């Protein structure tokens, strides 16, 4: 039996967490590359802001290479279960996760929604480190999208590597139907 590792990528507040929650209800084990960053910030007594998360991720990539966050995650993916890896933001992380596994197949899903929808979701979730204004939201998004430095976030290049793309500007039911279709295709 082949198990699945589903990687999730997408812009801020696109609905990756909602997709992950839905997959967890289908017995997927959750992992996040951002959790590695949060632990690193905590160990250095730094505030968990979006800027600090980006900064510490860039530092780790500069020290260990662009795929370091995914490389650190791989040992957690060997159990005979289905896994989710959230917060993939660099194409080399995709390459690192898309390796030969004895019992798993890796698939990358990109989740997106309109900027206005994502900003409204971001305001509603009120997560530590999220943008406090529309202007800040757009500025942070620009930083994450397309750096030419391979050790920084390259979200647009990462999204292009996705096996599946999900538009998430609609209802939760539409999103769940899209996920169910993908799961069905993976099992076929």
Foldseek 3Di string as FASTA:
>chain_A
DAAEEEEEAEFAQLCLVVLVVLVVVVVAAEAELLVVLVVVCVVVVHFPAPVSSQVSQLVCCVVPNQQVSLLVCVVVPQDLTHYYYYDDFAQVVVVSNCDDHPRYHYAYEYGGEDLVLSVVSQVVVVDHNDDPDSVVSVVSRVQQDPDPPNSGGNRVVNNVPGPYYHYPHDDSVSVSVVSVVVVVVVVD
